[in-house]
């Protein structure tokens, strides 16, 4: 079992997290040859979780310990899965690592976005303590652009890694969208998770972000939407409906999560989109329209088309927008105009080095590839850590060569 943990952790810094939350049904387990042969997949997620929990129970999981401490330092912006994975890799290589995050706990969306019934919060906290014990310094409630600009951080460190994630909700454009009972998914999930921590959450206590006794409508079909509907069930909602404009086969979320939600009583309203939100001072319902799937678009997915005269009203007391997330204005937030971003706002990097348009500034995770999975954030972070190591090693080695030549010259001078 100890060898199994060593093998599992060789390519994954958070195996206990991925084993719990990754959509294995469409990743590793979905590609298992035994599954494709019709005999049922190897339960890779459960195996990964069991191995790692056994390792923790036996004390085999140790803080990152370098063979040699280096003077060079790296500043990591973001304490989510990418930031945590990169911090561990860089610390193992001997660098001094400082992680900056605007939240008050380490973990990013693993702490505030993913519900506790999918990922227990002590799992993330346990890994954060290991990093701290290994010498990683966390600066929480630290907002780049407010507490320091990107240039300020560059002056403090030999390299910077941006793992800021994507947090800006995609907006719904429909009449009545400004009603107070229409909430963003991340606000709703964060309130629920904070309540679980015992934090004061006024909007939850007032009922604005609490689904108890309400008719809840969640708009979206990804994993975030599944987190919202299943959270609403646990909060005691009167009814929970999920509106998705495509059909079940085109849903981007995990089919395993959809099945769990159905078992818990969630009503999926396929091929339906919101047209308007009804109510004067408070939400009374959603006027929806049925859709049909037309010709495939450039991505290969069939384009939803409205069905004429199919309008109908779905009564609702709380609507949660779970249409996904886009990047924030990182150059504007960080106080720099030198950081190049693409047309969707993601940071542009050299894929070979993971470096941005600014020398010594690297980026990884969702802020580069867009909203994605924890396992991809970890993979990107490991690649970025390797790129930073090559970059800083190149800066060290010329200095070491110069010192060696100078020492050799002094010795020769002494002999003469």
Protein backbone atom coordinates (compact mmCIF):
# COMPACT_ATOMS: atom_id res chain seq x y z
CA UNK A 1 0.00 0.00 0.00
CA UNK A 2 2.85 2.41 0.73
CA UNK A 3 4.30 1.74 -2.72
CA UNK A 4 0.83 2.27 -4.19
CA UNK A 5 0.61 5.70 -2.55
CA UNK A 6 4.08 6.63 -3.80
CA UNK A 7 3.04 5.68 -7.31
CA UNK A 8 -0.30 7.51 -7.06
CA UNK A 9 1.27 10.72 -5.72
CA UNK A 10 4.12 10.68 -8.23
CA UNK A 11 1.96 12.43 -10.84
CA UNK A 12 -0.80 13.92 -8.69
CA UNK A 13 -0.39 16.35 -5.80
CA UNK A 14 -4.00 15.98 -4.63
CA UNK A 15 -5.01 12.34 -5.25
CA UNK A 16 -7.41 12.37 -2.30
CA UNK A 17 -9.27 15.28 -3.92
CA UNK A 18 -9.34 13.91 -7.48
CA UNK A 19 -10.52 10.53 -6.20
CA UNK A 20 -13.56 12.25 -4.69
CA UNK A 21 -14.60 14.93 -7.18
CA UNK A 22 -13.26 14.13 -10.64
CA UNK A 23 -15.88 12.97 -13.18
CA UNK A 24 -14.23 9.56 -13.53
CA UNK A 25 -17.15 8.34 -15.62
CA UNK A 26 -15.95 10.46 -18.53
CA UNK A 27 -12.21 10.44 -17.75
CA UNK A 28 -10.12 7.55 -16.41
CA UNK A 29 -12.96 5.10 -15.68
CA UNK A 30 -14.71 6.01 -18.92
CA UNK A 31 -11.55 5.02 -20.80
CA UNK A 32 -10.93 1.82 -18.85
CA UNK A 33 -10.56 -1.09 -21.33
CA UNK A 34 -12.46 -3.43 -18.99
CA UNK A 35 -15.39 -1.00 -19.05
CA UNK A 36 -15.26 -0.90 -22.84
CA UNK A 37 -15.23 -4.71 -22.90
CA UNK A 38 -18.52 -4.68 -21.00
CA UNK A 39 -17.30 -6.11 -17.70
CA UNK A 40 -17.50 -2.94 -15.58
CA UNK A 41 -14.74 -0.46 -14.97
CA UNK A 42 -11.95 -0.57 -12.42
CA UNK A 43 -13.22 1.96 -9.83
CA UNK A 44 -10.19 4.18 -10.16
CA UNK A 45 -11.60 7.09 -8.15
CA UNK A 46 -12.47 4.89 -5.15
CA UNK A 47 -9.12 3.10 -5.35
CA UNK A 48 -7.26 6.42 -5.44
CA UNK A 49 -9.18 7.73 -2.44
CA UNK A 50 -8.66 4.53 -0.41
CA UNK A 51 -4.93 4.42 -1.11
CA UNK A 52 -4.43 8.05 -0.07
CA UNK A 53 -6.56 7.81 3.08
CA UNK A 54 -4.60 4.70 4.08
CA UNK A 55 -1.37 6.66 3.54
CA UNK A 56 -2.57 9.51 5.74
CA UNK A 57 -3.71 7.08 8.45
CA UNK A 58 -0.28 5.43 8.50
CA UNK A 59 1.73 8.65 8.45
CA UNK A 60 3.23 8.05 5.02
CA UNK A 61 2.23 11.47 3.68
CA UNK A 62 4.97 13.96 4.54
CA UNK A 63 5.39 17.73 4.08
CA UNK A 64 7.41 18.71 0.98
CA UNK A 65 11.07 18.60 2.00
CA UNK A 66 13.81 19.78 -0.38
CA UNK A 67 17.27 18.25 -0.46
CA UNK A 68 18.72 21.75 -0.48
CA UNK A 69 17.19 25.15 0.26
CA UNK A 70 17.73 27.76 -2.45
CA UNK A 71 17.81 31.50 -2.03
CA UNK A 72 15.52 32.13 -5.00
CA UNK A 73 11.84 32.70 -4.25
CA UNK A 74 8.59 32.26 -6.18
CA UNK A 75 5.33 34.11 -5.57
CA UNK A 76 2.21 32.10 -6.40
CA UNK A 77 -1.04 34.04 -6.90
CA UNK A 78 -3.99 31.81 -5.99
CA UNK A 79 -4.30 29.07 -3.36
CA UNK A 80 -6.63 26.79 -5.31
CA UNK A 81 -5.65 23.35 -6.67
CA UNK A 82 -3.20 24.79 -9.22
CA UNK A 83 -1.55 27.06 -6.66
CA UNK A 84 -1.30 24.27 -4.09
CA UNK A 85 0.16 21.77 -6.57
CA UNK A 86 2.70 24.27 -7.90
CA UNK A 87 3.70 25.34 -4.38
CA UNK A 88 4.45 21.73 -3.44
CA UNK A 89 6.50 21.08 -6.57
CA UNK A 90 8.49 24.30 -6.18
CA UNK A 91 9.12 23.70 -2.48
CA UNK A 92 10.37 20.19 -3.19
CA UNK A 93 12.83 21.74 -5.64
CA UNK A 94 14.15 23.95 -2.83
CA UNK A 95 12.61 27.33 -3.67
CA UNK A 96 11.19 29.74 -1.11
CA UNK A 97 7.46 29.84 -1.88
CA UNK A 98 4.89 32.49 -0.94
CA UNK A 99 1.24 31.92 -1.91
CA UNK A 100 -1.12 34.91 -2.08
CA UNK A 101 -4.90 34.49 -2.01
CA UNK A 102 -7.81 36.91 -1.55
CA UNK A 103 -9.88 34.43 0.44
CA UNK A 104 -9.52 33.61 4.12
CA UNK A 105 -8.89 29.88 3.64
CA UNK A 106 -6.59 27.84 1.41
CA UNK A 107 -8.25 25.81 -1.33
CA UNK A 108 -10.08 28.19 -3.68
CA UNK A 109 -13.16 26.59 -5.25
CA UNK A 110 -12.37 23.30 -3.50
CA UNK A 111 -13.32 25.07 -0.26
CA UNK A 112 -15.98 27.58 -1.30
CA UNK A 113 -17.35 26.21 -4.59
CA UNK A 114 -17.60 22.44 -4.16
CA UNK A 115 -20.19 21.29 -1.60
CA UNK A 116 -19.05 19.49 1.53
CA UNK A 117 -21.04 16.35 0.68
CA UNK A 118 -18.74 15.87 -2.34
CA UNK A 119 -15.48 17.04 -0.77
CA UNK A 120 -15.16 17.27 3.00
CA UNK A 121 -13.38 20.50 3.89
CA UNK A 122 -10.93 18.93 6.31
CA UNK A 123 -9.46 17.05 3.33
CA UNK A 124 -8.31 20.33 1.78
CA UNK A 125 -7.24 21.78 5.14
CA UNK A 126 -5.11 18.72 5.86
CA UNK A 127 -3.17 19.19 2.61
CA UNK A 128 -2.79 22.94 3.28
CA UNK A 129 -1.25 22.18 6.70
CA UNK A 130 1.27 19.86 5.05
CA UNK A 131 2.36 22.62 2.70
CA UNK A 132 2.65 25.04 5.62
CA UNK A 133 4.71 22.52 7.61
CA UNK A 134 6.94 22.13 4.57
CA UNK A 135 7.79 25.83 4.56
CA UNK A 136 5.23 27.28 2.13
CA UNK A 137 4.08 30.69 3.37
CA UNK A 138 0.43 31.60 2.82
CA UNK A 139 -0.74 35.22 2.70
CA UNK A 140 -4.54 35.10 2.96
CA UNK A 141 -7.01 37.96 2.48
CA UNK A 142 -4.33 39.34 0.14
CA UNK A 143 -5.70 40.86 -3.04
CA UNK A 144 -3.28 41.59 -5.86
CA UNK A 145 -4.07 45.08 -7.11
CA UNK A 146 -5.27 46.21 -3.68
CA UNK A 147 -2.53 45.07 -1.30
CA UNK A 148 0.22 44.99 -3.92
CA UNK A 149 0.46 45.31 -7.68
CA UNK A 150 1.91 42.59 -9.86
CA UNK A 151 5.04 44.72 -10.27
CA UNK A 152 5.39 44.92 -6.47
CA UNK A 153 5.33 41.14 -6.28
CA UNK A 154 7.83 40.83 -9.12
CA UNK A 155 10.24 42.99 -7.13
CA UNK A 156 9.88 40.63 -4.14
CA UNK A 157 10.34 37.34 -6.00
CA UNK A 158 12.54 35.82 -8.68
CA UNK A 159 9.48 34.42 -10.49
CA UNK A 160 5.71 34.73 -10.29
CA UNK A 161 3.06 32.11 -11.07
CA UNK A 162 -0.54 33.24 -11.65
CA UNK A 163 -3.13 30.59 -10.70
CA UNK A 164 -6.02 32.97 -10.13
CA UNK A 165 -8.82 30.78 -11.49
CA UNK A 166 -11.98 32.09 -13.16
CA UNK A 167 -14.70 33.59 -10.97
CA UNK A 168 -16.83 35.92 -13.12
CA UNK A 169 -20.28 34.41 -13.67
CA UNK A 170 -21.75 34.33 -17.16
CA UNK A 171 -24.79 36.55 -17.13
CA UNK A 172 -28.31 35.67 -18.21
CA UNK A 173 -29.78 38.21 -20.62
CA UNK A 174 -33.54 38.21 -20.10
CA UNK A 175 -36.19 40.61 -18.78
CA UNK A 176 -36.49 40.60 -14.99
CA UNK A 177 -32.98 39.30 -14.41
CA UNK A 178 -32.38 41.97 -11.77
CA UNK A 179 -34.91 40.57 -9.29
CA UNK A 180 -33.29 39.94 -5.87
CA UNK A 181 -34.19 36.24 -5.83
CA UNK A 182 -32.01 35.54 -8.89
CA UNK A 183 -28.60 34.53 -7.57
CA UNK A 184 -25.24 33.50 -9.00
CA UNK A 185 -24.17 29.89 -8.43
CA UNK A 186 -20.88 30.79 -6.77
CA UNK A 187 -22.57 33.19 -4.32
CA UNK A 188 -25.07 30.47 -3.44
CA UNK A 189 -22.48 27.72 -2.99
CA UNK A 190 -20.08 29.98 -1.09
CA UNK A 191 -22.83 30.95 1.36
CA UNK A 192 -23.68 27.29 1.95
CA UNK A 193 -20.03 26.33 2.48
CA UNK A 194 -19.38 29.27 4.78
CA UNK A 195 -22.42 28.29 6.82
CA UNK A 196 -20.92 24.83 7.10
CA UNK A 197 -17.76 26.38 8.53
CA UNK A 198 -19.83 28.27 11.09
CA UNK A 199 -19.07 31.68 9.55
CA UNK A 200 -21.65 34.47 9.84
CA UNK A 201 -23.57 34.58 6.54
CA UNK A 202 -26.25 37.30 6.71
CA UNK A 203 -27.71 36.54 3.26
CA UNK A 204 -28.16 32.90 4.19
CA UNK A 205 -29.76 33.75 7.55
CA UNK A 206 -32.13 36.22 5.86
CA UNK A 207 -33.22 33.52 3.41
CA UNK A 208 -31.87 35.12 0.23
CA UNK A 209 -29.26 32.39 -0.24
CA UNK A 210 -31.11 29.60 1.54
CA UNK A 211 -33.33 27.19 -0.45
CA UNK A 212 -35.26 25.87 2.55
CA UNK A 213 -38.97 25.58 1.72
CA UNK A 214 -38.58 27.23 -1.69
CA UNK A 215 -39.32 26.28 -5.27
CA UNK A 216 -35.82 26.37 -6.76
CA UNK A 217 -34.91 26.62 -10.44
CA UNK A 218 -31.27 26.12 -11.45
CA UNK A 219 -30.26 27.20 -14.95
CA UNK A 220 -27.35 25.31 -16.51
CA UNK A 221 -26.13 21.80 -17.22
CA UNK A 222 -22.56 21.57 -15.93
CA UNK A 223 -21.07 20.25 -12.72
CA UNK A 224 -21.70 23.58 -10.97
CA UNK A 225 -25.41 23.26 -11.73
CA UNK A 226 -25.34 19.74 -10.26
CA UNK A 227 -23.68 21.09 -7.10
CA UNK A 228 -26.43 23.71 -6.82
CA UNK A 229 -29.39 21.35 -7.27
CA UNK A 230 -28.01 18.81 -4.82
CA UNK A 231 -27.24 21.53 -2.27
CA UNK A 232 -30.80 22.86 -2.59
CA UNK A 233 -32.16 19.37 -1.89
CA UNK A 234 -30.08 19.18 1.29
CA UNK A 235 -31.28 22.61 2.39
CA UNK A 236 -34.86 21.37 2.32
CA UNK A 237 -36.18 22.97 -0.87
CA UNK A 238 -39.86 22.39 -1.64
CA UNK A 239 -38.94 21.46 -5.22
CA UNK A 240 -35.81 21.63 -7.37
CA UNK A 241 -35.84 21.91 -11.17
CA UNK A 242 -32.85 22.08 -13.48
CA UNK A 243 -33.42 23.88 -16.80
CA UNK A 244 -31.05 22.92 -19.60
CA UNK A 245 -31.41 24.01 -23.21
CA UNK A 246 -30.05 20.78 -24.68
CA UNK A 247 -30.92 17.14 -23.97
CA UNK A 248 -29.43 14.66 -21.54
CA UNK A 249 -26.93 13.28 -24.07
CA UNK A 250 -25.46 16.75 -24.66
CA UNK A 251 -25.14 17.71 -21.01
CA UNK A 252 -21.58 18.83 -20.13
CA UNK A 253 -21.82 17.74 -16.49
CA UNK A 254 -20.94 14.31 -15.13
CA UNK A 255 -23.62 11.72 -15.88
CA UNK A 256 -22.88 10.21 -12.49
CA UNK A 257 -23.81 13.53 -10.86
CA UNK A 258 -26.99 13.76 -12.94
CA UNK A 259 -27.99 10.26 -11.80
CA UNK A 260 -27.32 11.17 -8.16
CA UNK A 261 -29.44 14.31 -8.52
CA UNK A 262 -32.33 12.38 -10.06
CA UNK A 263 -32.17 9.84 -7.24
CA UNK A 264 -32.43 12.74 -4.78
CA UNK A 265 -35.59 14.07 -6.41
CA UNK A 266 -34.31 16.77 -8.79
CA UNK A 267 -36.55 17.33 -11.81
CA UNK A 268 -34.56 17.86 -15.02
CA UNK A 269 -36.39 19.93 -17.60
CA UNK A 270 -34.51 19.13 -20.81
CA UNK A 271 -34.57 21.24 -23.99
CA UNK A 272 -35.82 24.29 -22.11
CA UNK A 273 -34.38 27.79 -21.73
CA UNK A 274 -35.42 30.83 -19.67
CA UNK A 275 -37.09 33.62 -21.62
CA UNK A 276 -37.99 36.05 -18.80
CA UNK A 277 -38.28 36.24 -15.03
CA UNK A 278 -41.69 37.21 -13.72
CA UNK A 279 -42.56 39.38 -10.76
CA UNK A 280 -42.65 43.02 -9.73
CA UNK A 281 -40.84 43.35 -6.40
CA UNK A 282 -40.10 39.68 -5.93
CA UNK A 283 -39.66 36.63 -8.14
CA UNK A 284 -42.81 34.68 -8.93
CA UNK A 285 -41.72 32.43 -11.77
CA UNK A 286 -39.69 31.79 -14.91
CA UNK A 287 -41.22 32.11 -18.36
CA UNK A 288 -39.48 29.37 -20.32
CA UNK A 289 -39.49 28.22 -23.92
CA UNK A 290 -38.93 24.75 -25.26
CA UNK A 291 -36.00 24.11 -27.59
CA UNK A 292 -35.10 21.68 -30.35
CA UNK A 293 -31.63 20.71 -31.49
CA UNK A 294 -30.66 21.96 -34.93
CA UNK A 295 -27.53 21.61 -37.04
CA UNK A 296 -24.13 21.22 -35.35
CA UNK A 297 -22.12 24.41 -34.74
CA UNK A 298 -18.36 24.91 -35.17
CA UNK A 299 -17.69 22.83 -32.05
CA UNK A 300 -19.72 19.91 -33.40
CA UNK A 301 -22.57 20.29 -30.91
CA UNK A 302 -26.13 20.71 -32.13
CA UNK A 303 -27.38 24.27 -31.80
CA UNK A 304 -30.54 24.76 -29.69
CA UNK A 305 -33.41 26.45 -31.54
CA UNK A 306 -36.63 27.77 -29.91
CA UNK A 307 -39.89 25.99 -30.62
CA UNK A 308 -42.57 28.46 -31.67
CA UNK A 309 -45.51 28.98 -29.29
CA UNK A 310 -44.01 26.72 -26.63
CA UNK A 311 -43.81 29.36 -23.89
CA UNK A 312 -44.82 28.25 -20.43
CA UNK A 313 -44.37 29.43 -16.83
CA UNK A 314 -42.44 27.57 -14.12
CA UNK A 315 -43.22 28.85 -10.64
CA UNK A 316 -40.11 29.73 -8.64
CA UNK A 317 -39.04 31.45 -5.41
CA UNK A 318 -35.29 31.20 -6.07
CA UNK A 319 -33.40 31.04 -9.37
CA UNK A 320 -29.72 30.13 -9.47
CA UNK A 321 -27.63 31.03 -12.51
CA UNK A 322 -25.16 28.19 -13.12
CA UNK A 323 -24.19 28.95 -16.72
CA UNK A 324 -20.46 28.83 -15.97
CA UNK A 325 -17.57 31.19 -15.34
CA UNK A 326 -15.31 33.50 -17.34
CA UNK A 327 -12.00 35.16 -16.39
CA UNK A 328 -11.98 38.47 -14.59
CA UNK A 329 -10.01 41.41 -16.01
CA UNK A 330 -6.67 40.21 -14.65
CA UNK A 331 -4.47 42.97 -16.17
CA UNK A 332 -6.83 45.61 -14.80
CA UNK A 333 -7.08 43.95 -11.39
CA UNK A 334 -3.33 43.42 -11.10
CA UNK A 335 -2.46 46.94 -12.24
CA UNK A 336 -0.47 46.05 -15.36
CA UNK A 337 -0.97 46.52 -19.09
CA UNK A 338 1.92 44.24 -20.09
CA UNK A 339 0.09 40.96 -19.42
CA UNK A 340 -1.37 39.67 -22.68
CA UNK A 341 -4.77 37.99 -22.65
CA UNK A 342 -6.76 36.29 -25.37
CA UNK A 343 -10.15 37.24 -26.78
CA UNK A 344 -11.93 35.41 -23.95
CA UNK A 345 -9.82 37.04 -21.24
CA UNK A 346 -7.60 34.04 -20.48
CA UNK A 347 -3.89 34.71 -20.00
CA UNK A 348 -1.72 33.91 -23.01
CA UNK A 349 1.33 31.72 -22.38
CA UNK A 350 4.09 29.98 -24.28
CA UNK A 351 2.90 26.37 -23.99
CA UNK A 352 6.48 25.08 -23.92
CA UNK A 353 7.62 27.20 -20.98
CA UNK A 354 4.26 28.27 -19.42
CA UNK A 355 5.61 31.83 -19.34
CA UNK A 356 3.35 34.80 -20.08
CA UNK A 357 4.25 37.88 -22.13
CA UNK A 358 6.09 39.21 -19.04
CA UNK A 359 9.57 37.87 -18.28
CA UNK A 360 9.57 35.66 -15.21
CA UNK A 361 5.77 35.63 -14.91
CA UNK A 362 4.09 32.27 -15.52
CA UNK A 363 0.45 31.16 -15.47
CA UNK A 364 -1.44 27.89 -15.10
CA UNK A 365 -4.87 26.41 -14.50
CA UNK A 366 -8.28 27.82 -15.35
CA UNK A 367 -6.94 31.34 -15.91
CA UNK A 368 -5.11 29.91 -18.94
CA UNK A 369 -7.41 27.15 -20.26
CA UNK A 370 -10.76 28.51 -19.05
CA UNK A 371 -13.09 26.90 -16.51
CA UNK A 372 -12.06 23.25 -16.31
CA UNK A 373 -11.39 20.38 -13.92
CA UNK A 374 -9.20 20.13 -10.82
CA UNK A 375 -7.14 17.38 -12.42
CA UNK A 376 -6.22 19.69 -15.32
CA UNK A 377 -5.32 22.50 -12.92
CA UNK A 378 -2.91 20.14 -11.16
CA UNK A 379 -1.37 18.97 -14.44
CA UNK A 380 -0.88 22.54 -15.67
CA UNK A 381 0.58 23.61 -12.33
CA UNK A 382 3.15 20.83 -12.41
CA UNK A 383 4.16 21.86 -15.93
CA UNK A 384 4.43 25.50 -14.83
CA UNK A 385 6.53 24.56 -11.79
CA UNK A 386 8.91 22.66 -14.09
CA UNK A 387 9.07 25.70 -16.39
CA UNK A 388 9.86 28.00 -13.46
CA UNK A 389 12.56 25.60 -12.27
CA UNK A 390 14.22 25.66 -15.71
CA UNK A 391 13.97 29.46 -15.82
CA UNK A 392 15.50 29.97 -12.37
CA UNK A 393 18.10 27.25 -12.87
CA UNK A 394 19.31 29.07 -15.99
CA UNK A 395 19.67 32.23 -13.91
CA UNK A 396 21.63 30.38 -11.21
CA UNK A 397 24.02 28.43 -13.37
CA UNK A 398 25.71 31.36 -15.16
CA UNK A 399 26.33 32.95 -11.76
CA UNK A 400 27.79 29.67 -10.46
CA UNK A 401 30.03 29.34 -13.50
CA UNK A 402 31.21 32.94 -13.07
CA UNK A 403 32.04 32.32 -9.40
CA UNK A 404 33.93 29.14 -10.26
CA UNK A 405 35.98 30.93 -12.92
CA UNK A 406 36.76 33.77 -10.50
CA UNK A 407 37.86 31.27 -7.83
CA UNK A 408 40.01 29.46 -10.38
CA UNK A 409 41.60 32.75 -11.42
CA UNK A 410 42.38 33.60 -7.79
CA UNK A 411 44.06 30.25 -7.28
CA UNK A 412 46.15 30.71 -10.40
CA UNK A 413 47.08 34.19 -9.23
CA UNK A 414 48.24 32.73 -5.91
CA UNK A 415 50.38 30.13 -7.63
CA UNK A 416 52.05 32.83 -9.70
